[in-house]
């Protein structure tokens, strides 16, 4: 839940995972249509958990319990750029898929056995960084999986660059805001 505080333009987002997090209004990401299965939730923020070297979190600003682990798809598929439809482009306020300032993320499902974790490559989150609008786009590419196994691919990335975390290898993590400890808010 977003609440305005007496801290100027910043807002406080309540989360079940990280407690209260202070964010700038520029960090808010608007999903005019919501996410698949969460159509009523329209405001999100990407949070970078400093205690986790792999995942960032797509946190709902309206429902504290709703947060999705996310990764950029290029970690698993090199040069991943989904073929966006005209409807997708219109919703994102774009003319073509070659527009600068687009960031793609996949929602990750982490079961009790983390070796079985998967990423939804078929329906990525696409963010227009200029307008801060986003959409979960269902791609028409039948070679993309809804439940792409990713554990072995994550392990391989770590082996390739053991001195750098997955987040440090990431191109898109610059949109995530660092979480400040609750006592600082």
Foldseek 3Di string as FASTA:
>chain_A
DWDDDPPPQWIWAAAPVAGIFIDHPLQWAFACQAAVVGRVQGIWGWADEPVDLAWIWTAGSVDRHDIFTKDACCLPPPPDQFQADPVQQVQQVHDHSVDPQKGKIWTKDADPPNQQIFTQSQFIWIARSVVSYIYRTRGPDPVGHGGHRCNVSLVVVCVVPVPHGNLRVDPPCVSHDYGDHPVVD
